[in-house]
Structure formats: C-alpha cells, structure tokens
Amino acid sequence: MKRGRPGAGSPPRPGRAALDRAAIERMRDIFISHVEEDFPVVQELAQGLEAAGYSTWYYERDSGAGPSCLLQTRDAIMSAQAVLLLVAFSEDSAVWV
C-alpha cells in the first residue's frame, strides 16, 4: 500500500482562491475591537496600520445599513486574518467589548 500525505485523494478544501470576488473585497487583514470611548485611539491605530500596508475593519467606519451589528461584526471577524482587541482600564470602562 502506497502512503501519501494525509488527506490525499480527498477533494481539495476551498481556499482564498476559491472565494468569490465580493468575499475577497470584504476581507480585511485586521479586525479592531474596542469600546466607544476608545474610538479616537482606534482611528489613529487604523491609520498607522493602513500606512504600513494592512487593511483594517472597525465598526464605526465599516459597518453599513442592512444586517444587524452582530452579524456584520461576526462576518468581519470571520474574514479577518487577525483580531486586535484594544483594552483600556478605567473606573468607567465598559463591561464588554
């Protein structure tokens, strides 16, 4: 019996090349999660990352009318290559991000 690499003979998994054009256009390198109070920091952070060649997604700029904020956020996280969680501690910090 000839042994090959694991999964040989099974159908190929869909990769980035198999995604439709619209899905590729929605992809971002980095999803930025934050609380509303940190929005000015997020804008500056996103500008710096984008100047370095990364694409970013954050709710205030990239969400749109239509699907709920939770669905839009979920889709953005699922299509991102990385998630950046901005955490700032203060007495009046939000309970969730």
N, C-alpha and C. Protein backbone atom coordinates (compact mmCIF):
# COMPACT_ATOMS: atom_id res chain seq x y z
N MET A 1 0.83 -1.17 0.00
CA MET A 1 0.00 0.00 0.00
C MET A 1 0.88 1.24 0.00
N LYS A 2 0.62 2.12 -0.93
CA LYS A 2 1.39 3.33 -1.06
C LYS A 2 0.87 4.38 -0.09
N ARG A 3 1.77 4.99 0.63
CA ARG A 3 1.36 6.01 1.61
C ARG A 3 1.70 7.38 1.05
N GLY A 4 0.74 8.27 1.14
CA GLY A 4 0.94 9.65 0.69
C GLY A 4 0.71 10.59 1.85
N ARG A 5 0.58 11.81 1.52
CA ARG A 5 0.33 12.79 2.57
C ARG A 5 -1.10 12.64 3.07
N PRO A 6 -1.36 12.99 4.33
CA PRO A 6 -2.70 12.87 4.87
C PRO A 6 -3.69 13.68 4.04
N GLY A 7 -4.84 13.10 3.81
CA GLY A 7 -5.88 13.79 3.07
C GLY A 7 -5.75 13.64 1.57
N ALA A 8 -4.70 12.95 1.11
CA ALA A 8 -4.53 12.76 -0.33
C ALA A 8 -5.71 11.96 -0.86
N GLY A 9 -6.20 12.36 -1.99
CA GLY A 9 -7.35 11.69 -2.57
C GLY A 9 -8.68 12.30 -2.19
N SER A 10 -8.69 13.10 -1.14
CA SER A 10 -9.93 13.78 -0.77
C SER A 10 -10.04 15.08 -1.55
N PRO A 11 -11.25 15.58 -1.72
CA PRO A 11 -11.41 16.81 -2.50
C PRO A 11 -10.67 17.97 -1.84
N PRO A 12 -10.12 18.87 -2.63
CA PRO A 12 -9.39 19.99 -2.05
C PRO A 12 -10.30 20.91 -1.26
N ARG A 13 -9.75 21.47 -0.19
CA ARG A 13 -10.50 22.43 0.60
C ARG A 13 -10.54 23.76 -0.13
N PRO A 14 -11.67 24.46 -0.03
CA PRO A 14 -11.68 25.77 -0.68
C PRO A 14 -10.73 26.71 0.04
N GLY A 15 -9.94 27.40 -0.69
CA GLY A 15 -9.01 28.36 -0.13
C GLY A 15 -9.37 29.75 -0.57
N ARG A 16 -8.47 30.66 -0.35
CA ARG A 16 -8.72 32.05 -0.73
C ARG A 16 -9.03 32.17 -2.21
N ALA A 17 -8.37 31.36 -3.05
CA ALA A 17 -8.59 31.44 -4.49
C ALA A 17 -10.00 31.03 -4.87
N ALA A 18 -10.63 30.21 -4.04
CA ALA A 18 -11.97 29.73 -4.35
C ALA A 18 -13.07 30.70 -3.91
N LEU A 19 -12.71 31.72 -3.18
CA LEU A 19 -13.71 32.66 -2.71
C LEU A 19 -14.17 33.56 -3.85
N ASP A 20 -15.43 33.97 -3.79
CA ASP A 20 -15.91 34.88 -4.82
C ASP A 20 -15.33 36.28 -4.63
N ARG A 21 -15.39 37.07 -5.66
CA ARG A 21 -14.80 38.41 -5.66
C ARG A 21 -15.34 39.28 -4.54
N ALA A 22 -16.64 39.23 -4.28
CA ALA A 22 -17.24 40.05 -3.21
C ALA A 22 -16.68 39.67 -1.85
N ALA A 23 -16.49 38.37 -1.62
CA ALA A 23 -15.95 37.93 -0.33
C ALA A 23 -14.52 38.43 -0.15
N ILE A 24 -13.74 38.39 -1.21
CA ILE A 24 -12.36 38.86 -1.13
C ILE A 24 -12.33 40.35 -0.85
N GLU A 25 -13.23 41.12 -1.47
CA GLU A 25 -13.27 42.55 -1.25
C GLU A 25 -13.65 42.90 0.19
N ARG A 26 -14.42 42.04 0.86
CA ARG A 26 -14.82 42.28 2.24
C ARG A 26 -13.75 41.90 3.24
N MET A 27 -12.77 41.11 2.83
CA MET A 27 -11.72 40.66 3.75
C MET A 27 -10.87 41.82 4.23
N ARG A 28 -10.47 41.73 5.43
CA ARG A 28 -9.55 42.70 5.99
C ARG A 28 -8.44 41.93 6.69
N ASP A 29 -7.28 42.54 6.75
CA ASP A 29 -6.18 41.90 7.46
C ASP A 29 -6.46 41.87 8.96
N ILE A 30 -6.94 43.01 9.50
CA ILE A 30 -7.07 43.15 10.95
C ILE A 30 -8.45 43.69 11.33
N PHE A 31 -9.14 42.98 12.20
CA PHE A 31 -10.38 43.44 12.80
C PHE A 31 -10.01 44.10 14.12
N ILE A 32 -10.48 45.34 14.33
CA ILE A 32 -10.16 46.05 15.57
C ILE A 32 -11.41 46.11 16.45
N SER A 33 -11.30 45.53 17.64
CA SER A 33 -12.39 45.53 18.61
C SER A 33 -12.08 46.54 19.70
N HIS A 34 -13.09 47.33 20.08
CA HIS A 34 -12.86 48.39 21.06
C HIS A 34 -14.18 48.85 21.67
N VAL A 35 -14.08 49.65 22.70
CA VAL A 35 -15.27 50.29 23.27
C VAL A 35 -15.38 51.69 22.65
N GLU A 36 -16.57 52.23 22.69
CA GLU A 36 -16.86 53.51 22.05
C GLU A 36 -15.93 54.64 22.52
N GLU A 37 -15.61 54.65 23.80
CA GLU A 37 -14.77 55.71 24.35
C GLU A 37 -13.35 55.72 23.74
N ASP A 38 -12.93 54.59 23.19
CA ASP A 38 -11.58 54.50 22.62
C ASP A 38 -11.56 54.76 21.11
N PHE A 39 -12.66 55.25 20.57
CA PHE A 39 -12.74 55.48 19.13
C PHE A 39 -11.61 56.36 18.58
N PRO A 40 -11.26 57.48 19.23
CA PRO A 40 -10.15 58.29 18.69
C PRO A 40 -8.84 57.50 18.59
N VAL A 41 -8.58 56.64 19.55
CA VAL A 41 -7.37 55.81 19.53
C VAL A 41 -7.45 54.81 18.38
N VAL A 42 -8.63 54.25 18.16
CA VAL A 42 -8.83 53.28 17.09
C VAL A 42 -8.57 53.92 15.73
N GLN A 43 -9.07 55.13 15.54
CA GLN A 43 -8.84 55.82 14.26
C GLN A 43 -7.34 56.01 14.01
N GLU A 44 -6.63 56.44 15.01
CA GLU A 44 -5.19 56.66 14.88
C GLU A 44 -4.46 55.33 14.64
N LEU A 45 -4.85 54.30 15.36
CA LEU A 45 -4.25 52.98 15.20
C LEU A 45 -4.50 52.44 13.80
N ALA A 46 -5.73 52.54 13.33
CA ALA A 46 -6.07 52.06 11.99
C ALA A 46 -5.29 52.82 10.92
N GLN A 47 -5.17 54.12 11.07
CA GLN A 47 -4.40 54.91 10.10
C GLN A 47 -2.94 54.45 10.05
N GLY A 48 -2.36 54.19 11.22
CA GLY A 48 -0.98 53.72 11.26
C GLY A 48 -0.81 52.35 10.62
N LEU A 49 -1.74 51.44 10.92
CA LEU A 49 -1.68 50.10 10.33
C LEU A 49 -1.86 50.16 8.81
N GLU A 50 -2.80 51.00 8.37
CA GLU A 50 -3.05 51.13 6.93
C GLU A 50 -1.86 51.78 6.22
N ALA A 51 -1.20 52.72 6.87
CA ALA A 51 0.01 53.33 6.30
C ALA A 51 1.12 52.29 6.16
N ALA A 52 1.09 51.28 7.02
CA ALA A 52 2.08 50.20 6.97
C ALA A 52 1.69 49.10 5.98
N GLY A 53 0.53 49.26 5.33
CA GLY A 53 0.12 48.31 4.31
C GLY A 53 -0.93 47.30 4.71
N TYR A 54 -1.46 47.39 5.91
CA TYR A 54 -2.51 46.48 6.36
C TYR A 54 -3.88 47.11 6.11
N SER A 55 -4.87 46.27 5.85
CA SER A 55 -6.24 46.77 5.79
C SER A 55 -6.89 46.48 7.14
N THR A 56 -7.78 47.37 7.57
CA THR A 56 -8.42 47.21 8.89
C THR A 56 -9.92 47.32 8.76
N TRP A 57 -10.62 46.80 9.77
CA TRP A 57 -12.07 46.91 9.87
C TRP A 57 -12.41 47.32 11.29
N TYR A 58 -13.18 48.38 11.43
CA TYR A 58 -13.77 48.72 12.72
C TYR A 58 -15.17 49.25 12.48
N TYR A 59 -16.02 49.04 13.45
CA TYR A 59 -17.46 49.20 13.28
C TYR A 59 -17.88 50.58 12.78
N GLU A 60 -17.40 51.63 13.40
CA GLU A 60 -17.88 52.97 13.07
C GLU A 60 -17.66 53.32 11.60
N ARG A 61 -16.59 52.86 11.04
CA ARG A 61 -16.28 53.19 9.65
C ARG A 61 -16.82 52.17 8.66
N ASP A 62 -16.80 50.89 9.01
CA ASP A 62 -17.02 49.85 8.01
C ASP A 62 -18.37 49.14 8.06
N SER A 63 -19.16 49.40 9.09
CA SER A 63 -20.48 48.77 9.12
C SER A 63 -21.42 49.56 8.22
N GLY A 64 -22.49 48.93 7.85
CA GLY A 64 -23.44 49.61 6.96
C GLY A 64 -24.86 49.28 7.32
N ALA A 65 -25.76 49.93 6.61
CA ALA A 65 -27.19 49.65 6.81
C ALA A 65 -27.49 48.24 6.32
N GLY A 66 -28.46 47.62 6.92
CA GLY A 66 -28.85 46.28 6.49
C GLY A 66 -28.75 45.29 7.63
N PRO A 67 -27.81 44.34 7.51
CA PRO A 67 -27.71 43.31 8.55
C PRO A 67 -27.44 43.91 9.93
N SER A 68 -27.80 43.17 10.96
CA SER A 68 -27.60 43.65 12.33
C SER A 68 -26.11 43.86 12.62
N CYS A 69 -25.85 44.68 13.63
CA CYS A 69 -24.45 44.95 14.00
C CYS A 69 -23.75 43.66 14.41
N LEU A 70 -24.47 42.75 15.04
CA LEU A 70 -23.84 41.49 15.45
C LEU A 70 -23.45 40.64 14.25
N LEU A 71 -24.31 40.59 13.22
CA LEU A 71 -23.98 39.82 12.02
C LEU A 71 -22.81 40.45 11.27
N GLN A 72 -22.81 41.76 11.16
CA GLN A 72 -21.72 42.44 10.47
C GLN A 72 -20.40 42.22 11.22
N THR A 73 -20.44 42.31 12.53
CA THR A 73 -19.24 42.11 13.33
C THR A 73 -18.74 40.68 13.21
N ARG A 74 -19.66 39.72 13.30
CA ARG A 74 -19.27 38.31 13.15
C ARG A 74 -18.61 38.06 11.80
N ASP A 75 -19.22 38.57 10.73
CA ASP A 75 -18.67 38.36 9.39
C ASP A 75 -17.29 39.00 9.25
N ALA A 76 -17.13 40.18 9.84
CA ALA A 76 -15.83 40.86 9.77
C ALA A 76 -14.76 40.08 10.52
N ILE A 77 -15.11 39.54 11.67
CA ILE A 77 -14.15 38.73 12.44
C ILE A 77 -13.79 37.46 11.67
N MET A 78 -14.80 36.82 11.12
CA MET A 78 -14.56 35.56 10.40
C MET A 78 -13.69 35.75 9.16
N SER A 79 -13.76 36.91 8.53
CA SER A 79 -12.99 37.12 7.31
C SER A 79 -11.64 37.79 7.56
N ALA A 80 -11.38 38.21 8.79
CA ALA A 80 -10.11 38.87 9.10
C ALA A 80 -8.99 37.85 9.29
N GLN A 81 -7.79 38.29 9.03
CA GLN A 81 -6.62 37.45 9.26
C GLN A 81 -6.18 37.50 10.73
N ALA A 82 -6.51 38.61 11.41
CA ALA A 82 -6.14 38.79 12.82
C ALA A 82 -7.17 39.67 13.51
N VAL A 83 -7.26 39.54 14.82
CA VAL A 83 -8.15 40.38 15.63
C VAL A 83 -7.29 41.14 16.63
N LEU A 84 -7.49 42.44 16.66
CA LEU A 84 -6.78 43.29 17.60
C LEU A 84 -7.80 43.79 18.62
N LEU A 85 -7.61 43.40 19.87
CA LEU A 85 -8.53 43.78 20.94
C LEU A 85 -7.89 44.91 21.73
N LEU A 86 -8.48 46.08 21.64
CA LEU A 86 -7.97 47.24 22.35
C LEU A 86 -8.64 47.28 23.71
N VAL A 87 -7.84 47.19 24.76
CA VAL A 87 -8.38 47.16 26.12
C VAL A 87 -7.78 48.33 26.89
N ALA A 88 -8.66 49.15 27.46
CA ALA A 88 -8.23 50.26 28.30
C ALA A 88 -8.96 50.11 29.63
N PHE A 89 -8.24 50.19 30.70
CA PHE A 89 -8.84 50.03 32.01
C PHE A 89 -9.05 51.38 32.67
N SER A 90 -10.28 51.61 33.10
CA SER A 90 -10.60 52.82 33.86
C SER A 90 -11.82 52.52 34.73
N GLU A 91 -12.14 53.41 35.61
CA GLU A 91 -13.29 53.19 36.51
C GLU A 91 -14.59 53.06 35.76
N ASP A 92 -14.72 53.77 34.64
CA ASP A 92 -15.97 53.74 33.89
C ASP A 92 -15.88 52.89 32.62
N SER A 93 -14.97 51.91 32.60
CA SER A 93 -14.83 51.04 31.45
C SER A 93 -16.10 50.24 31.23
N ALA A 94 -16.36 49.92 29.97
CA ALA A 94 -17.49 49.07 29.62
C ALA A 94 -17.27 47.65 30.13
N VAL A 95 -18.35 46.93 30.33
CA VAL A 95 -18.26 45.57 30.80
C VAL A 95 -17.85 44.63 29.67
N TRP A 96 -18.24 44.93 28.43
CA TRP A 96 -17.89 44.07 27.31
C TRP A 96 -17.39 44.91 26.15
N VAL A 97 -16.60 44.26 25.27
CA VAL A 97 -16.04 44.93 24.10
C VAL A 97 -16.59 44.24 22.87
